[in-house]
Structure formats: C-alpha cells, structure tokens
Amino acid sequence: MAAIDFLGIVLVIFLTFVTVAAMLPKLLELIIQAISLTSGESVARQLSGLITISGAAPYKIEINHTIEKVKYDVDIQTRTILVKPKYKVPYAEKSRGIEPFAIPLQDKSYKDVNSFTILKELVGGKSQYEFEAK
C-alpha cells in the first residue's frame, strides 16, 4: 500500500508542476502587457499622438482618454509632454515618458490624474486647443 500512496503523491506533484509550468508564461505575459500599456513612456506616446491628431480635425473635436488603475503626474512644456506613473512599487515609479507633439498648448502641470480630454475648436478662423486632465 505504501508504494501506491507514494506513486499517487508523485503523480499529483508532477501534474501540479506541469499545470503551473504551462500557466506561468501566460500569467507573466498578462502582467508584462498590463505594465507596458500603463507605463509612462506608453501613456506619453498615446497622449502626444492624440494631441497631434486633434490638429487634423477641420472644425471641432473632443478626445477623451482614460487609463484605469494607475494615476500619473503630467507636465506640458513647450510642445512636449512628460508623464510619470504613480505605481505603488518604488522601482516602477521611476519610469517616465517624454514625447513631443505638434500643436501649441499652454504649459500646465497635473498631479494624480488618469483621465484626459483634448479639445480643438475653430474660433474666428483660428484653431484653439485645450488639454485637461483629472
């Protein structure tokens, strides 16, 4: 009876190991994907692209972009956007992204935001742009 019990335990351990080994790469891929989509570099790239694209609208456009679960500090200075994520892990908090954009915006700073609105409106034949974050 002891040999059968031993074989049963070895089989359970082996199946557990195979199951974990099969699931671990998929779990790690999901974690890396979530972090990369919310990184400062990625969000800076997303926002600078949306800001630049708003310039192509002929009359009026409003773009809303929200990123779940992570807050950011955002600085806009001389056609450049700097995004710093506020992760709870200290080493990840140092990641940041700086990206240029093509339209004129006022220099502004925002703290602890994750929802962004880009507005363009044609007023008196001249384009006016606004960037808001909350």
C-alpha atoms as a PDB file:
ATOM      1  CA  MET A   1       0.000   0.000   0.000  1.00  0.00           C
ATOM      2  CA  ALA A   2       2.838   2.392   0.737  1.00  0.00           C
ATOM      3  CA  ALA A   3       4.205   2.155  -2.819  1.00  0.00           C
ATOM      4  CA  ILE A   4       0.799   3.050  -4.304  1.00  0.00           C
ATOM      5  CA  ASP A   5       0.476   6.023  -1.955  1.00  0.00           C
ATOM      6  CA  PHE A   6       3.968   7.176  -2.900  1.00  0.00           C
ATOM      7  CA  LEU A   7       3.174   6.889  -6.627  1.00  0.00           C
ATOM      8  CA  GLY A   8      -0.066   8.828  -6.107  1.00  0.00           C
ATOM      9  CA  ILE A   9       1.773  11.650  -4.332  1.00  0.00           C
ATOM     10  CA  VAL A  10       4.464  11.762  -7.046  1.00  0.00           C
ATOM     11  CA  LEU A  11       1.766  11.864  -9.746  1.00  0.00           C
ATOM     12  CA  VAL A  12      -0.081  14.724  -8.020  1.00  0.00           C
ATOM     13  CA  ILE A  13       3.171  16.685  -7.613  1.00  0.00           C
ATOM     14  CA  PHE A  14       4.083  16.059 -11.261  1.00  0.00           C
ATOM     15  CA  LEU A  15       0.658  17.156 -12.545  1.00  0.00           C
ATOM     16  CA  THR A  16       0.768  20.270 -10.336  1.00  0.00           C
ATOM     17  CA  PHE A  17       4.225  21.148 -11.664  1.00  0.00           C
ATOM     18  CA  VAL A  18       3.130  20.662 -15.300  1.00  0.00           C
ATOM     19  CA  THR A  19      -0.002  22.759 -14.783  1.00  0.00           C
ATOM     20  CA  VAL A  20       1.909  25.615 -13.127  1.00  0.00           C
ATOM     21  CA  ALA A  21       4.641  25.458 -15.791  1.00  0.00           C
ATOM     22  CA  ALA A  22       2.002  25.713 -18.522  1.00  0.00           C
ATOM     23  CA  MET A  23       0.143  28.625 -16.892  1.00  0.00           C
ATOM     24  CA  LEU A  24       3.125  30.655 -15.672  1.00  0.00           C
ATOM     25  CA  PRO A  25       4.222  32.061 -19.076  1.00  0.00           C
ATOM     26  CA  LYS A  26       0.671  33.186 -19.850  1.00  0.00           C
ATOM     27  CA  LEU A  27       0.352  34.871 -16.432  1.00  0.00           C
ATOM     28  CA  LEU A  28       3.696  36.622 -16.846  1.00  0.00           C
ATOM     29  CA  GLU A  29       2.691  37.773 -20.330  1.00  0.00           C
ATOM     30  CA  LEU A  30      -0.507  39.321 -18.952  1.00  0.00           C
ATOM     31  CA  ILE A  31       1.384  41.114 -16.172  1.00  0.00           C
ATOM     32  CA  ILE A  32       4.019  42.479 -18.564  1.00  0.00           C
ATOM     33  CA  GLN A  33       1.339  43.590 -21.017  1.00  0.00           C
ATOM     34  CA  ALA A  34      -0.590  45.440 -18.285  1.00  0.00           C
ATOM     35  CA  ILE A  35       2.546  47.207 -17.059  1.00  0.00           C
ATOM     36  CA  SER A  36       3.693  48.146 -20.572  1.00  0.00           C
ATOM     37  CA  LEU A  37       0.313  49.634 -21.507  1.00  0.00           C
ATOM     38  CA  THR A  38       0.267  51.820 -18.400  1.00  0.00           C
ATOM     39  CA  SER A  39       3.947  52.800 -18.375  1.00  0.00           C
ATOM     40  CA  GLY A  40       4.913  56.452 -18.536  1.00  0.00           C
ATOM     41  CA  GLU A  41       6.511  56.007 -21.950  1.00  0.00           C
ATOM     42  CA  SER A  42       3.446  54.346 -23.440  1.00  0.00           C
ATOM     43  CA  VAL A  43       0.988  56.886 -21.999  1.00  0.00           C
ATOM     44  CA  ALA A  44       3.174  59.807 -23.137  1.00  0.00           C
ATOM     45  CA  ARG A  45       3.204  58.310 -26.649  1.00  0.00           C
ATOM     46  CA  GLN A  46      -0.581  57.816 -26.590  1.00  0.00           C
ATOM     47  CA  LEU A  47      -1.278  61.366 -25.404  1.00  0.00           C
ATOM     48  CA  SER A  48       1.179  63.065 -27.764  1.00  0.00           C
ATOM     49  CA  GLY A  49      -0.349  61.142 -30.673  1.00  0.00           C
ATOM     50  CA  LEU A  50      -3.884  62.146 -29.690  1.00  0.00           C
ATOM     51  CA  ILE A  51      -2.867  65.782 -29.203  1.00  0.00           C
ATOM     52  CA  THR A  52      -1.197  65.864 -32.621  1.00  0.00           C
ATOM     53  CA  ILE A  53      -4.115  64.095 -34.322  1.00  0.00           C
ATOM     54  CA  SER A  54      -6.557  66.660 -32.912  1.00  0.00           C
ATOM     55  CA  GLY A  55      -4.851  69.237 -35.136  1.00  0.00           C
ATOM     56  CA  ALA A  56      -6.142  67.413 -38.217  1.00  0.00           C
ATOM     57  CA  ALA A  57      -9.790  67.974 -37.293  1.00  0.00           C
ATOM     58  CA  PRO A  58     -11.327  70.614 -39.588  1.00  0.00           C
ATOM     59  CA  TYR A  59     -13.616  72.411 -37.112  1.00  0.00           C
ATOM     60  CA  LYS A  60     -14.136  70.872 -33.716  1.00  0.00           C
ATOM     61  CA  ILE A  61     -13.056  67.711 -31.924  1.00  0.00           C
ATOM     62  CA  GLU A  62     -13.120  66.384 -28.374  1.00  0.00           C
ATOM     63  CA  ILE A  63     -10.972  63.383 -27.490  1.00  0.00           C
ATOM     64  CA  ASN A  64     -11.389  61.652 -24.126  1.00  0.00           C
ATOM     65  CA  HIS A  65      -8.819  59.118 -22.962  1.00  0.00           C
ATOM     66  CA  THR A  66      -8.924  57.313 -19.604  1.00  0.00           C
ATOM     67  CA  ILE A  67      -6.400  54.859 -18.196  1.00  0.00           C
ATOM     68  CA  GLU A  68      -7.682  52.603 -15.436  1.00  0.00           C
ATOM     69  CA  LYS A  69      -5.931  51.735 -12.162  1.00  0.00           C
ATOM     70  CA  VAL A  70      -2.841  53.994 -12.459  1.00  0.00           C
ATOM     71  CA  LYS A  71      -2.533  57.711 -11.698  1.00  0.00           C
ATOM     72  CA  TYR A  72       0.011  59.968 -13.389  1.00  0.00           C
ATOM     73  CA  ASP A  73       1.807  63.274 -12.959  1.00  0.00           C
ATOM     74  CA  VAL A  74       1.712  65.103 -16.296  1.00  0.00           C
ATOM     75  CA  ASP A  75       3.716  68.175 -17.335  1.00  0.00           C
ATOM     76  CA  ILE A  76       3.187  70.007 -20.614  1.00  0.00           C
ATOM     77  CA  GLN A  77       6.025  72.343 -21.597  1.00  0.00           C
ATOM     78  CA  THR A  78       6.933  73.812 -24.992  1.00  0.00           C
ATOM     79  CA  ARG A  79       5.206  71.191 -27.159  1.00  0.00           C
ATOM     80  CA  THR A  80       6.452  68.314 -25.036  1.00  0.00           C
ATOM     81  CA  ILE A  81       4.549  66.068 -22.636  1.00  0.00           C
ATOM     82  CA  LEU A  82       6.205  64.381 -19.645  1.00  0.00           C
ATOM     83  CA  VAL A  83       4.291  61.533 -17.970  1.00  0.00           C
ATOM     84  CA  LYS A  84       5.311  59.912 -14.672  1.00  0.00           C
ATOM     85  CA  PRO A  85       3.239  56.954 -13.426  1.00  0.00           C
ATOM     86  CA  LYS A  86       2.364  56.696  -9.734  1.00  0.00           C
ATOM     87  CA  TYR A  87       2.850  52.967  -9.171  1.00  0.00           C
ATOM     88  CA  LYS A  88       2.807  51.578  -5.665  1.00  0.00           C
ATOM     89  CA  VAL A  89       6.111  49.790  -6.332  1.00  0.00           C
ATOM     90  CA  PRO A  90       9.063  52.169  -5.809  1.00  0.00           C
ATOM     91  CA  TYR A  91      11.281  50.890  -8.638  1.00  0.00           C
ATOM     92  CA  ALA A  92       8.490  51.188 -11.251  1.00  0.00           C
ATOM     93  CA  GLU A  93       7.641  54.733 -10.189  1.00  0.00           C
ATOM     94  CA  LYS A  94      10.919  55.967 -11.689  1.00  0.00           C
ATOM     95  CA  SER A  95       9.773  55.133 -15.204  1.00  0.00           C
ATOM     96  CA  ARG A  96       8.636  58.146 -17.196  1.00  0.00           C
ATOM     97  CA  GLY A  97       7.984  59.136 -20.764  1.00  0.00           C
ATOM     98  CA  ILE A  98       8.728  62.314 -22.690  1.00  0.00           C
ATOM     99  CA  GLU A  99       7.174  62.824 -26.134  1.00  0.00           C
ATOM    100  CA  PRO A 100       6.837  65.824 -28.462  1.00  0.00           C
ATOM    101  CA  PHE A 101       3.586  66.901 -30.109  1.00  0.00           C
ATOM    102  CA  ALA A 102       2.793  69.217 -32.998  1.00  0.00           C
ATOM    103  CA  ILE A 103       0.253  71.758 -31.768  1.00  0.00           C
ATOM    104  CA  PRO A 104       0.580  74.726 -29.400  1.00  0.00           C
ATOM    105  CA  LEU A 105      -0.714  74.132 -25.853  1.00  0.00           C
ATOM    106  CA  GLN A 106      -0.306  76.176 -22.705  1.00  0.00           C
ATOM    107  CA  ASP A 107       2.299  74.928 -20.238  1.00  0.00           C
ATOM    108  CA  LYS A 108       0.486  73.119 -17.411  1.00  0.00           C
ATOM    109  CA  SER A 109       1.120  70.528 -14.724  1.00  0.00           C
ATOM    110  CA  TYR A 110      -1.296  67.946 -13.350  1.00  0.00           C
ATOM    111  CA  LYS A 111      -0.883  65.645 -10.354  1.00  0.00           C
ATOM    112  CA  ASP A 112      -2.544  62.257  -9.746  1.00  0.00           C
ATOM    113  CA  VAL A 113      -4.651  62.138 -12.921  1.00  0.00           C
ATOM    114  CA  ASN A 114      -5.771  59.336 -15.225  1.00  0.00           C
ATOM    115  CA  SER A 115      -8.476  60.900 -17.395  1.00  0.00           C
ATOM    116  CA  PHE A 116      -7.520  63.240 -20.232  1.00  0.00           C
ATOM    117  CA  THR A 117      -9.536  65.490 -22.567  1.00  0.00           C
ATOM    118  CA  ILE A 118      -8.170  67.167 -25.679  1.00  0.00           C
ATOM    119  CA  LEU A 119     -10.328  69.879 -27.258  1.00  0.00           C
ATOM    120  CA  LYS A 120      -9.938  71.722 -30.537  1.00  0.00           C
ATOM    121  CA  GLU A 121     -12.324  74.371 -31.755  1.00  0.00           C
ATOM    122  CA  LEU A 122     -12.228  76.757 -34.704  1.00  0.00           C
ATOM    123  CA  VAL A 123     -12.946  80.269 -33.409  1.00  0.00           C
ATOM    124  CA  GLY A 124     -12.833  83.208 -35.823  1.00  0.00           C
ATOM    125  CA  GLY A 125     -10.871  81.187 -38.356  1.00  0.00           C
ATOM    126  CA  LYS A 126      -8.220  80.269 -35.786  1.00  0.00           C
ATOM    127  CA  SER A 127      -7.748  76.927 -34.038  1.00  0.00           C
ATOM    128  CA  GLN A 128      -7.852  76.946 -30.244  1.00  0.00           C
ATOM    129  CA  TYR A 129      -6.616  73.937 -28.285  1.00  0.00           C
ATOM    130  CA  GLU A 130      -7.161  72.841 -24.698  1.00  0.00           C
ATOM    131  CA  PHE A 131      -5.786  69.938 -22.709  1.00  0.00           C
ATOM    132  CA  GLU A 132      -7.435  68.983 -19.423  1.00  0.00           C
ATOM    133  CA  ALA A 133      -6.665  66.170 -17.016  1.00  0.00           C
ATOM    134  CA  LYS A 134      -8.427  64.891 -13.914  1.00  0.00           C
END
